[in-house]
Amino acid sequence: MRSSKSRSRAKNNRNRPSGGNVVNRVFDSSGPEGKVRGTPQQIIDKYNQLARDAQLSNDRVAAENFQQHAEHYLRMLSEAQREIEARREEQERQNRERQAERDRERAERQEREAARQADPAEAPQPDVMGFDAPAASPESGLVETPENQGGEAEAPEPKERKEKAPRRPRQRKPKPAAETNDEPAANGGDTPEAAE
């Protein structure tokens, strides 16, 4: 068997808003003229109408009673609307923060991508040849290798190959006739310097 205390407690909690959307929730209000059913705004309108009717019939007590009932639902409605507005503002603030974070990440990603795709010719290149090592002339196009540098283990980073003009075929030297080494060649002094 239930106690009367638990029954009365359950009855008192029945019309209290338990979270959720109070604005659109349907309430049963027990007023002086009987039950009024509807959303808080509908109940407020109904009690205001009953208060006007009571004033017209010169019943000031009933009019005040209806106005108090309307005021109760008006307070409930305004509190629910404040909560909804606060939740909406909080959600907008969080959305702005998330959007700002996404924008920051996107900007960082774009900077990294731009740095990766930067023109390698404009990027600083490491020196391949040391100044003290005897090497071929810079015009020769030869690259100093670690073996030629005296056993250094560190290998230089490879440079990008540049497109070169196609090579001309070499001209062969004519075979010398059986002559002595002191005399110039019979074909007009065709030496390797003149062939190139």
N, C-alpha and C. Protein backbone atom coordinates (compact mmCIF):
# COMPACT_ATOMS: atom_id res chain seq x y z
N MET A 1 0.83 -1.18 0.00
CA MET A 1 0.00 0.00 0.00
C MET A 1 0.89 1.25 0.00
N ARG A 2 0.51 2.25 -0.80
CA ARG A 2 1.29 3.47 -0.92
C ARG A 2 1.01 4.41 0.24
N SER A 3 2.03 5.17 0.57
CA SER A 3 1.80 6.18 1.61
C SER A 3 1.24 7.44 0.96
N SER A 4 0.61 8.25 1.73
CA SER A 4 0.01 9.47 1.19
C SER A 4 1.07 10.48 0.80
N LYS A 5 2.23 10.44 1.48
CA LYS A 5 3.29 11.38 1.14
C LYS A 5 3.81 11.17 -0.28
N SER A 6 4.07 9.91 -0.66
CA SER A 6 4.61 9.67 -1.99
C SER A 6 3.58 10.01 -3.06
N ARG A 7 2.30 9.78 -2.75
CA ARG A 7 1.26 10.11 -3.71
C ARG A 7 1.18 11.62 -3.92
N SER A 8 1.24 12.38 -2.84
CA SER A 8 1.14 13.84 -2.98
C SER A 8 2.38 14.41 -3.66
N ARG A 9 3.55 13.81 -3.38
CA ARG A 9 4.77 14.28 -4.03
C ARG A 9 4.69 14.05 -5.54
N ALA A 10 4.21 12.90 -5.93
CA ALA A 10 4.08 12.59 -7.36
C ALA A 10 3.10 13.53 -8.02
N LYS A 11 2.05 13.87 -7.32
CA LYS A 11 1.04 14.76 -7.89
C LYS A 11 1.60 16.17 -8.04
N ASN A 12 2.42 16.60 -7.09
CA ASN A 12 2.99 17.96 -7.17
C ASN A 12 3.98 18.09 -8.32
N ASN A 13 4.67 17.02 -8.65
CA ASN A 13 5.67 17.09 -9.72
C ASN A 13 5.08 16.93 -11.10
N ARG A 14 3.80 16.64 -11.17
CA ARG A 14 3.20 16.32 -12.46
C ARG A 14 3.21 17.50 -13.42
N ASN A 15 2.91 18.71 -12.97
CA ASN A 15 2.81 19.86 -13.88
C ASN A 15 4.08 20.68 -13.97
N ARG A 16 5.12 20.28 -13.26
CA ARG A 16 6.37 21.02 -13.34
C ARG A 16 7.11 20.66 -14.62
N PRO A 17 7.73 21.64 -15.23
CA PRO A 17 8.49 21.32 -16.45
C PRO A 17 9.73 20.50 -16.09
N SER A 18 9.88 19.38 -16.76
CA SER A 18 11.03 18.51 -16.50
C SER A 18 11.97 18.58 -17.70
N GLY A 19 12.53 19.75 -17.92
CA GLY A 19 13.42 19.91 -19.07
C GLY A 19 12.61 19.87 -20.36
N GLY A 20 13.26 19.53 -21.42
CA GLY A 20 12.55 19.42 -22.70
C GLY A 20 12.09 20.79 -23.17
N ASN A 21 11.22 20.79 -24.13
CA ASN A 21 10.74 22.02 -24.73
C ASN A 21 9.46 22.46 -24.05
N VAL A 22 9.55 23.36 -23.08
CA VAL A 22 8.39 23.84 -22.33
C VAL A 22 7.51 24.70 -23.22
N VAL A 23 8.09 25.37 -24.18
CA VAL A 23 7.34 26.31 -25.01
C VAL A 23 6.22 25.59 -25.77
N ASN A 24 6.50 24.39 -26.28
CA ASN A 24 5.50 23.67 -27.08
C ASN A 24 4.80 22.55 -26.30
N ARG A 25 5.13 22.41 -25.03
CA ARG A 25 4.55 21.34 -24.24
C ARG A 25 3.11 21.67 -23.87
N VAL A 26 2.26 20.67 -23.79
CA VAL A 26 0.85 20.87 -23.44
C VAL A 26 0.69 20.63 -21.94
N PHE A 27 0.06 21.60 -21.26
CA PHE A 27 -0.17 21.53 -19.82
C PHE A 27 -1.65 21.44 -19.54
N ASP A 28 -1.97 20.84 -18.40
CA ASP A 28 -3.33 20.85 -17.86
C ASP A 28 -3.30 21.76 -16.64
N SER A 29 -3.94 22.89 -16.71
CA SER A 29 -3.95 23.83 -15.60
C SER A 29 -5.29 23.78 -14.89
N SER A 30 -5.25 23.57 -13.58
CA SER A 30 -6.50 23.54 -12.79
C SER A 30 -6.74 24.93 -12.24
N GLY A 31 -7.57 25.68 -12.90
CA GLY A 31 -7.88 27.04 -12.48
C GLY A 31 -9.17 27.09 -11.68
N PRO A 32 -9.59 28.27 -11.27
CA PRO A 32 -10.82 28.42 -10.49
C PRO A 32 -12.08 28.04 -11.27
N GLU A 33 -12.04 28.13 -12.57
CA GLU A 33 -13.20 27.82 -13.40
C GLU A 33 -13.13 26.42 -13.98
N GLY A 34 -12.18 25.62 -13.57
CA GLY A 34 -12.01 24.28 -14.13
C GLY A 34 -10.66 24.18 -14.81
N LYS A 35 -10.47 23.10 -15.57
CA LYS A 35 -9.17 22.86 -16.20
C LYS A 35 -9.04 23.66 -17.48
N VAL A 36 -7.84 24.14 -17.69
CA VAL A 36 -7.47 24.80 -18.93
C VAL A 36 -6.31 24.01 -19.50
N ARG A 37 -6.45 23.59 -20.75
CA ARG A 37 -5.43 22.73 -21.37
C ARG A 37 -4.83 23.45 -22.57
N GLY A 38 -3.48 23.31 -22.72
CA GLY A 38 -2.81 23.89 -23.88
C GLY A 38 -1.35 24.18 -23.60
N THR A 39 -0.71 24.81 -24.56
CA THR A 39 0.68 25.23 -24.38
C THR A 39 0.69 26.43 -23.43
N PRO A 40 1.83 26.79 -22.85
CA PRO A 40 1.85 27.93 -21.94
C PRO A 40 1.25 29.21 -22.56
N GLN A 41 1.55 29.48 -23.81
CA GLN A 41 1.01 30.69 -24.43
C GLN A 41 -0.52 30.61 -24.56
N GLN A 42 -1.03 29.44 -24.90
CA GLN A 42 -2.49 29.27 -25.01
C GLN A 42 -3.15 29.42 -23.63
N ILE A 43 -2.51 28.88 -22.59
CA ILE A 43 -3.08 29.00 -21.23
C ILE A 43 -3.06 30.46 -20.78
N ILE A 44 -1.96 31.17 -21.07
CA ILE A 44 -1.88 32.60 -20.71
C ILE A 44 -3.00 33.36 -21.39
N ASP A 45 -3.20 33.13 -22.68
CA ASP A 45 -4.27 33.82 -23.42
C ASP A 45 -5.64 33.50 -22.83
N LYS A 46 -5.85 32.24 -22.48
CA LYS A 46 -7.15 31.83 -21.92
C LYS A 46 -7.40 32.50 -20.57
N TYR A 47 -6.39 32.51 -19.68
CA TYR A 47 -6.57 33.15 -18.36
C TYR A 47 -6.73 34.66 -18.49
N ASN A 48 -6.03 35.29 -19.43
CA ASN A 48 -6.22 36.73 -19.64
C ASN A 48 -7.64 37.03 -20.13
N GLN A 49 -8.16 36.16 -21.00
CA GLN A 49 -9.54 36.34 -21.46
C GLN A 49 -10.53 36.17 -20.31
N LEU A 50 -10.30 35.14 -19.45
CA LEU A 50 -11.18 34.93 -18.29
C LEU A 50 -11.08 36.11 -17.31
N ALA A 51 -9.86 36.70 -17.16
CA ALA A 51 -9.70 37.85 -16.27
C ALA A 51 -10.47 39.05 -16.81
N ARG A 52 -10.45 39.27 -18.13
CA ARG A 52 -11.21 40.38 -18.72
C ARG A 52 -12.71 40.17 -18.52
N ASP A 53 -13.14 38.92 -18.73
CA ASP A 53 -14.57 38.62 -18.53
C ASP A 53 -14.98 38.87 -17.08
N ALA A 54 -14.09 38.49 -16.13
CA ALA A 54 -14.42 38.69 -14.72
C ALA A 54 -14.46 40.18 -14.39
N GLN A 55 -13.57 40.98 -14.99
CA GLN A 55 -13.60 42.42 -14.75
C GLN A 55 -14.87 43.05 -15.29
N LEU A 56 -15.31 42.58 -16.45
CA LEU A 56 -16.55 43.12 -17.03
C LEU A 56 -17.76 42.79 -16.16
N SER A 57 -17.68 41.68 -15.47
CA SER A 57 -18.81 41.31 -14.59
C SER A 57 -18.59 41.82 -13.16
N ASN A 58 -17.61 42.71 -12.97
CA ASN A 58 -17.32 43.33 -11.68
C ASN A 58 -16.93 42.32 -10.61
N ASP A 59 -16.25 41.25 -10.98
CA ASP A 59 -15.76 40.26 -10.01
C ASP A 59 -14.23 40.44 -9.92
N ARG A 60 -13.83 41.37 -9.02
CA ARG A 60 -12.41 41.70 -8.93
C ARG A 60 -11.59 40.55 -8.38
N VAL A 61 -12.14 39.75 -7.49
CA VAL A 61 -11.41 38.63 -6.90
C VAL A 61 -11.09 37.58 -7.95
N ALA A 62 -12.09 37.20 -8.77
CA ALA A 62 -11.88 36.21 -9.82
C ALA A 62 -10.90 36.75 -10.87
N ALA A 63 -11.00 38.04 -11.20
CA ALA A 63 -10.11 38.65 -12.19
C ALA A 63 -8.66 38.57 -11.71
N GLU A 64 -8.45 38.92 -10.39
CA GLU A 64 -7.09 38.84 -9.84
C GLU A 64 -6.59 37.41 -9.85
N ASN A 65 -7.46 36.46 -9.53
CA ASN A 65 -7.09 35.04 -9.51
C ASN A 65 -6.65 34.57 -10.91
N PHE A 66 -7.43 34.93 -11.93
CA PHE A 66 -7.07 34.55 -13.30
C PHE A 66 -5.75 35.21 -13.73
N GLN A 67 -5.54 36.46 -13.33
CA GLN A 67 -4.30 37.15 -13.69
C GLN A 67 -3.08 36.49 -13.04
N GLN A 68 -3.27 36.00 -11.78
CA GLN A 68 -2.16 35.32 -11.11
C GLN A 68 -1.82 34.01 -11.81
N HIS A 69 -2.89 33.29 -12.24
CA HIS A 69 -2.64 32.04 -12.98
C HIS A 69 -1.90 32.35 -14.30
N ALA A 70 -2.33 33.40 -14.98
CA ALA A 70 -1.68 33.78 -16.25
C ALA A 70 -0.22 34.19 -16.00
N GLU A 71 0.00 34.92 -14.89
CA GLU A 71 1.36 35.36 -14.57
C GLU A 71 2.28 34.17 -14.29
N HIS A 72 1.74 33.14 -13.63
CA HIS A 72 2.54 31.94 -13.37
C HIS A 72 3.03 31.32 -14.67
N TYR A 73 2.13 31.14 -15.62
CA TYR A 73 2.53 30.53 -16.90
C TYR A 73 3.40 31.48 -17.73
N LEU A 74 3.19 32.78 -17.55
CA LEU A 74 4.04 33.76 -18.23
C LEU A 74 5.47 33.67 -17.73
N ARG A 75 5.64 33.53 -16.39
CA ARG A 75 6.99 33.37 -15.83
C ARG A 75 7.64 32.09 -16.33
N MET A 76 6.85 31.01 -16.34
CA MET A 76 7.37 29.73 -16.83
C MET A 76 7.83 29.84 -18.29
N LEU A 77 7.01 30.48 -19.10
CA LEU A 77 7.32 30.63 -20.52
C LEU A 77 8.56 31.50 -20.73
N SER A 78 8.65 32.61 -20.01
CA SER A 78 9.81 33.50 -20.20
C SER A 78 11.10 32.83 -19.72
N GLU A 79 11.04 32.04 -18.64
CA GLU A 79 12.22 31.32 -18.17
C GLU A 79 12.65 30.28 -19.20
N ALA A 80 11.68 29.57 -19.77
CA ALA A 80 12.02 28.57 -20.79
C ALA A 80 12.64 29.24 -22.01
N GLN A 81 12.11 30.40 -22.39
CA GLN A 81 12.66 31.10 -23.55
C GLN A 81 14.07 31.62 -23.27
N ARG A 82 14.33 32.06 -22.02
CA ARG A 82 15.69 32.49 -21.66
C ARG A 82 16.66 31.32 -21.74
N GLU A 83 16.21 30.15 -21.25
CA GLU A 83 17.07 28.97 -21.32
C GLU A 83 17.36 28.57 -22.76
N ILE A 84 16.33 28.63 -23.60
CA ILE A 84 16.50 28.29 -25.02
C ILE A 84 17.49 29.26 -25.66
N GLU A 85 17.33 30.55 -25.35
CA GLU A 85 18.22 31.57 -25.91
C GLU A 85 19.66 31.36 -25.43
N ALA A 86 19.82 31.03 -24.14
CA ALA A 86 21.17 30.79 -23.60
C ALA A 86 21.80 29.57 -24.27
N ARG A 87 21.01 28.50 -24.45
CA ARG A 87 21.54 27.31 -25.13
C ARG A 87 21.94 27.62 -26.56
N ARG A 88 21.10 28.41 -27.23
CA ARG A 88 21.39 28.77 -28.63
C ARG A 88 22.67 29.59 -28.72
N GLU A 89 22.84 30.56 -27.81
CA GLU A 89 24.06 31.38 -27.81
C GLU A 89 25.29 30.53 -27.51
N GLU A 90 25.17 29.60 -26.57
CA GLU A 90 26.29 28.71 -26.25
C GLU A 90 26.65 27.86 -27.46
N GLN A 91 25.63 27.35 -28.13
CA GLN A 91 25.88 26.52 -29.31
C GLN A 91 26.54 27.35 -30.42
N GLU A 92 26.08 28.58 -30.61
CA GLU A 92 26.70 29.45 -31.63
C GLU A 92 28.15 29.74 -31.27
N ARG A 93 28.44 29.98 -29.98
CA ARG A 93 29.81 30.24 -29.55
C ARG A 93 30.70 29.03 -29.84
N GLN A 94 30.18 27.83 -29.51
CA GLN A 94 30.95 26.62 -29.78
C GLN A 94 31.17 26.43 -31.28
N ASN A 95 30.14 26.72 -32.07
CA ASN A 95 30.28 26.59 -33.53
C ASN A 95 31.33 27.57 -34.05
N ARG A 96 31.34 28.81 -33.52
CA ARG A 96 32.34 29.78 -33.95
C ARG A 96 33.74 29.31 -33.58
N GLU A 97 33.89 28.76 -32.37
CA GLU A 97 35.21 28.26 -31.95
C GLU A 97 35.67 27.11 -32.84
N ARG A 98 34.74 26.18 -33.14
CA ARG A 98 35.10 25.05 -34.00
C ARG A 98 35.47 25.53 -35.39
N GLN A 99 34.73 26.50 -35.91
CA GLN A 99 35.01 27.03 -37.24
C GLN A 99 36.36 27.74 -37.26
N ALA A 100 36.66 28.50 -36.19
CA ALA A 100 37.96 29.17 -36.12
C ALA A 100 39.09 28.14 -36.07
N GLU A 101 38.90 27.06 -35.33
CA GLU A 101 39.92 26.00 -35.24
C GLU A 101 40.11 25.35 -36.61
N ARG A 102 38.99 25.08 -37.31
CA ARG A 102 39.10 24.48 -38.65
C ARG A 102 39.81 25.43 -39.60
N ASP A 103 39.51 26.73 -39.50
CA ASP A 103 40.18 27.71 -40.37
C ASP A 103 41.67 27.76 -40.09
N ARG A 104 42.06 27.71 -38.80
CA ARG A 104 43.48 27.71 -38.44
C ARG A 104 44.17 26.47 -39.02
N GLU A 105 43.54 25.31 -38.85
CA GLU A 105 44.13 24.07 -39.36
C GLU A 105 44.26 24.12 -40.88
N ARG A 106 43.25 24.64 -41.56
CA ARG A 106 43.30 24.73 -43.01
C ARG A 106 44.43 25.66 -43.46
N ALA A 107 44.60 26.80 -42.75
CA ALA A 107 45.66 27.73 -43.10
C ALA A 107 47.03 27.08 -42.89
N GLU A 108 47.20 26.36 -41.78
CA GLU A 108 48.48 25.68 -41.54
C GLU A 108 48.75 24.63 -42.60
N ARG A 109 47.71 23.88 -42.99
CA ARG A 109 47.86 22.86 -44.02
C ARG A 109 48.27 23.50 -45.34
N GLN A 110 47.65 24.63 -45.67
CA GLN A 110 47.99 25.30 -46.93
C GLN A 110 49.41 25.83 -46.90
N GLU A 111 49.86 26.35 -45.74
CA GLU A 111 51.23 26.83 -45.64
C GLU A 111 52.22 25.68 -45.82
N ARG A 112 51.93 24.54 -45.18
CA ARG A 112 52.82 23.39 -45.34
C ARG A 112 52.85 22.92 -46.78
N GLU A 113 51.68 22.88 -47.42
CA GLU A 113 51.60 22.45 -48.82
C GLU A 113 52.37 23.42 -49.72
N ALA A 114 52.24 24.72 -49.45
CA ALA A 114 52.95 25.70 -50.26
C ALA A 114 54.46 25.57 -50.07
N ALA A 115 54.88 25.30 -48.84
CA ALA A 115 56.31 25.13 -48.58
C ALA A 115 56.85 23.89 -49.29
N ARG A 116 56.02 22.83 -49.31
CA ARG A 116 56.44 21.59 -49.96
C ARG A 116 56.52 21.77 -51.47
N GLN A 117 55.63 22.57 -52.03
CA GLN A 117 55.58 22.73 -53.47
C GLN A 117 56.40 23.92 -53.96
N ALA A 118 57.16 24.52 -53.06
CA ALA A 118 57.96 25.68 -53.46
C ALA A 118 58.95 25.26 -54.54
N ASP A 119 59.30 26.19 -55.38
CA ASP A 119 60.22 25.91 -56.49
C ASP A 119 61.57 25.51 -55.94
N PRO A 120 62.06 24.29 -56.23
CA PRO A 120 63.35 23.87 -55.69
C PRO A 120 64.51 24.70 -56.20
N ALA A 121 64.37 25.35 -57.34
CA ALA A 121 65.47 26.16 -57.86
C ALA A 121 65.67 27.40 -56.98
N GLU A 122 64.59 27.91 -56.37
CA GLU A 122 64.69 29.08 -55.52
C GLU A 122 65.11 28.71 -54.10
N ALA A 123 64.94 27.46 -53.71
CA ALA A 123 65.31 27.03 -52.37
C ALA A 123 66.82 27.00 -52.25
N PRO A 124 67.37 27.27 -51.06
CA PRO A 124 68.83 27.22 -50.92
C PRO A 124 69.34 25.80 -51.11
N GLN A 125 70.39 25.67 -51.92
CA GLN A 125 70.95 24.35 -52.22
C GLN A 125 72.23 24.16 -51.42
N PRO A 126 72.48 22.94 -50.95
CA PRO A 126 73.72 22.71 -50.20
C PRO A 126 74.93 22.73 -51.14
N ASP A 127 76.07 23.13 -50.59
CA ASP A 127 77.29 23.12 -51.38
C ASP A 127 77.72 21.68 -51.57
N VAL A 128 78.05 21.34 -52.81
CA VAL A 128 78.43 19.98 -53.11
C VAL A 128 79.94 19.83 -53.02
N MET A 129 80.67 20.83 -53.47
CA MET A 129 82.12 20.73 -53.49
C MET A 129 82.70 21.63 -52.42
N GLY A 130 83.75 21.15 -51.77
CA GLY A 130 84.45 21.96 -50.80
C GLY A 130 85.41 22.89 -51.51
N PHE A 131 85.83 23.96 -50.85
CA PHE A 131 86.74 24.91 -51.48
C PHE A 131 88.17 24.38 -51.52
N ASP A 132 88.53 23.55 -50.53
CA ASP A 132 89.91 23.09 -50.46
C ASP A 132 90.16 21.84 -51.31
N ALA A 133 89.12 21.18 -51.74
CA ALA A 133 89.31 19.94 -52.49
C ALA A 133 89.62 20.27 -53.94
N PRO A 134 90.64 19.63 -54.53
CA PRO A 134 90.89 19.87 -55.95
C PRO A 134 89.78 19.22 -56.76
N ALA A 135 89.13 19.98 -57.56
CA ALA A 135 88.01 19.45 -58.33
C ALA A 135 88.09 19.97 -59.74
N ALA A 136 87.25 19.43 -60.56
CA ALA A 136 87.19 19.89 -61.94
C ALA A 136 86.64 21.30 -61.94
N SER A 137 86.86 22.01 -63.01
CA SER A 137 86.38 23.38 -63.08
C SER A 137 84.86 23.40 -63.05
N PRO A 138 84.25 24.48 -62.53
CA PRO A 138 82.78 24.54 -62.45
C PRO A 138 82.12 24.45 -63.80
N GLU A 139 82.83 24.84 -64.87
CA GLU A 139 82.21 24.79 -66.19
C GLU A 139 82.12 23.37 -66.70
N SER A 140 82.86 22.45 -66.09
CA SER A 140 82.88 21.09 -66.63
C SER A 140 81.58 20.33 -66.36
N GLY A 141 80.82 20.75 -65.35
CA GLY A 141 79.56 20.07 -65.06
C GLY A 141 79.74 18.81 -64.24
N LEU A 142 80.97 18.53 -63.80
CA LEU A 142 81.22 17.33 -63.00
C LEU A 142 80.86 17.60 -61.55
N VAL A 143 80.40 16.56 -60.88
CA VAL A 143 80.02 16.67 -59.48
C VAL A 143 81.03 15.92 -58.65
N GLU A 144 81.48 16.51 -57.57
CA GLU A 144 82.43 15.87 -56.67
C GLU A 144 81.72 14.77 -55.91
N THR A 145 82.28 13.59 -55.87
CA THR A 145 81.68 12.46 -55.16
C THR A 145 82.40 12.26 -53.85
N PRO A 146 81.76 11.57 -52.88
CA PRO A 146 82.42 11.36 -51.59
C PRO A 146 83.72 10.59 -51.72
N GLU A 147 83.84 9.71 -52.71
CA GLU A 147 85.08 8.95 -52.87
C GLU A 147 86.22 9.89 -53.24
N ASN A 148 85.94 10.90 -54.04
CA ASN A 148 86.97 11.84 -54.48
C ASN A 148 87.33 12.85 -53.41
N GLN A 149 86.48 13.04 -52.43
CA GLN A 149 86.72 14.04 -51.40
C GLN A 149 87.59 13.50 -50.28
N GLY A 150 88.05 12.33 -50.36
CA GLY A 150 88.95 11.82 -49.35
C GLY A 150 88.24 10.99 -48.31
N GLY A 151 87.21 10.30 -48.67
CA GLY A 151 86.59 9.34 -47.76
C GLY A 151 85.53 9.92 -46.83
N GLU A 152 85.00 11.08 -47.10
CA GLU A 152 83.91 11.57 -46.25
C GLU A 152 82.69 10.70 -46.47
N ALA A 153 82.03 10.36 -45.37
CA ALA A 153 80.91 9.42 -45.45
C ALA A 153 79.61 10.11 -45.81
N GLU A 154 79.55 11.40 -45.62
CA GLU A 154 78.27 12.10 -45.84
C GLU A 154 78.06 12.34 -47.33
N ALA A 155 76.93 11.89 -47.83
CA ALA A 155 76.64 12.06 -49.25
C ALA A 155 75.81 13.32 -49.43
N PRO A 156 76.10 14.11 -50.44
CA PRO A 156 75.31 15.34 -50.66
C PRO A 156 73.92 14.98 -51.18
N GLU A 157 72.99 15.90 -50.96
CA GLU A 157 71.64 15.69 -51.47
C GLU A 157 71.67 15.81 -52.98
N PRO A 158 70.92 14.95 -53.67
CA PRO A 158 70.95 15.02 -55.14
C PRO A 158 70.27 16.29 -55.62
N LYS A 159 70.86 16.90 -56.62
CA LYS A 159 70.26 18.07 -57.23
C LYS A 159 69.36 17.62 -58.37
N GLU A 160 68.42 18.45 -58.68
CA GLU A 160 67.56 18.13 -59.82
C GLU A 160 68.36 18.29 -61.10
N ARG A 161 68.11 17.41 -62.02
CA ARG A 161 68.81 17.51 -63.30
C ARG A 161 68.17 18.61 -64.14
N LYS A 162 69.02 19.35 -64.79
CA LYS A 162 68.51 20.38 -65.68
C LYS A 162 68.59 19.86 -67.11
N GLU A 163 67.65 20.29 -67.88
CA GLU A 163 67.64 19.89 -69.28
C GLU A 163 68.84 20.54 -69.97
N LYS A 164 69.63 19.72 -70.66
CA LYS A 164 70.77 20.23 -71.40
C LYS A 164 70.49 20.10 -72.89
N ALA A 165 71.23 20.89 -73.64
CA ALA A 165 71.09 20.80 -75.09
C ALA A 165 71.61 19.44 -75.55
N PRO A 166 71.05 18.86 -76.59
CA PRO A 166 71.53 17.55 -77.05
C PRO A 166 72.98 17.65 -77.51
N ARG A 167 73.72 16.59 -77.28
CA ARG A 167 75.14 16.56 -77.63
C ARG A 167 75.35 16.43 -79.14
N ARG A 168 76.43 17.05 -79.57
CA ARG A 168 76.81 16.86 -80.96
C ARG A 168 77.65 15.60 -81.05
N PRO A 169 77.50 14.88 -82.09
CA PRO A 169 78.36 13.68 -82.22
C PRO A 169 79.82 14.10 -82.40
N ARG A 170 80.70 13.31 -81.85
CA ARG A 170 82.13 13.60 -81.95
C ARG A 170 82.64 13.34 -83.37
N GLN A 171 83.57 14.15 -83.73
CA GLN A 171 84.22 13.90 -85.02
C GLN A 171 85.44 13.03 -84.76
N ARG A 172 85.57 12.07 -85.57
CA ARG A 172 86.72 11.16 -85.40
C ARG A 172 87.96 11.77 -86.03
N LYS A 173 89.06 11.44 -85.41
CA LYS A 173 90.33 11.88 -85.97
C LYS A 173 90.68 10.98 -87.14
N PRO A 174 91.21 11.59 -88.15
CA PRO A 174 91.65 10.73 -89.26
C PRO A 174 92.88 9.93 -88.83
N LYS A 175 92.94 8.78 -89.33
CA LYS A 175 94.09 7.93 -88.99
C LYS A 175 95.34 8.52 -89.63
N PRO A 176 96.34 8.72 -88.83
CA PRO A 176 97.56 9.31 -89.40
C PRO A 176 98.26 8.34 -90.35
N ALA A 177 98.84 8.88 -91.35
CA ALA A 177 99.62 8.06 -92.28
C ALA A 177 100.93 7.70 -91.58
N ALA A 178 101.57 6.77 -92.08
CA ALA A 178 102.82 6.33 -91.45
C ALA A 178 103.84 7.44 -91.57
N GLU A 179 103.90 8.28 -90.57
CA GLU A 179 104.82 9.40 -90.55
C GLU A 179 105.58 9.37 -89.24
N THR A 180 106.51 10.20 -89.14
CA THR A 180 107.22 10.30 -87.88
C THR A 180 106.45 11.24 -86.96
N ASN A 181 106.75 11.15 -85.70
CA ASN A 181 106.03 11.95 -84.71
C ASN A 181 106.42 13.42 -84.76
N ASP A 182 107.56 13.78 -85.38
CA ASP A 182 108.01 15.16 -85.39
C ASP A 182 107.30 16.00 -86.43
N GLU A 183 106.78 15.39 -87.49
CA GLU A 183 106.19 16.15 -88.57
C GLU A 183 104.69 16.33 -88.34
N PRO A 184 104.11 17.45 -88.75
CA PRO A 184 102.65 17.62 -88.62
C PRO A 184 101.92 16.68 -89.54
N ALA A 185 100.66 16.47 -89.22
CA ALA A 185 99.85 15.53 -90.00
C ALA A 185 99.65 16.07 -91.39
N ALA A 186 99.47 15.16 -92.36
CA ALA A 186 99.40 15.53 -93.77
C ALA A 186 98.06 16.17 -94.13
N ASN A 187 97.08 16.06 -93.29
CA ASN A 187 95.75 16.58 -93.64
C ASN A 187 95.54 18.01 -93.20
N GLY A 188 96.52 18.77 -93.08
CA GLY A 188 96.37 20.21 -92.81
C GLY A 188 96.44 20.53 -91.32
N GLY A 189 97.10 19.74 -90.55
CA GLY A 189 97.25 20.05 -89.13
C GLY A 189 95.99 19.81 -88.33
N ASP A 190 95.28 18.76 -88.65
CA ASP A 190 94.02 18.46 -87.94
C ASP A 190 94.34 17.88 -86.57
N THR A 191 94.32 18.68 -85.62
CA THR A 191 94.61 18.24 -84.25
C THR A 191 93.30 18.16 -83.46
N PRO A 192 93.33 17.57 -82.27
CA PRO A 192 92.08 17.50 -81.50
C PRO A 192 91.49 18.86 -81.20
N GLU A 193 92.33 19.91 -81.05
CA GLU A 193 91.78 21.24 -80.76
C GLU A 193 91.07 21.78 -82.00
N ALA A 194 91.61 21.50 -83.17
CA ALA A 194 91.00 22.03 -84.38
C ALA A 194 89.73 21.26 -84.72
N ALA A 195 89.62 19.98 -84.30
CA ALA A 195 88.43 19.18 -84.64
C ALA A 195 87.23 19.64 -83.83
N GLU A 196 87.46 20.17 -82.70
CA GLU A 196 86.33 20.55 -81.86
C GLU A 196 85.93 21.92 -82.16
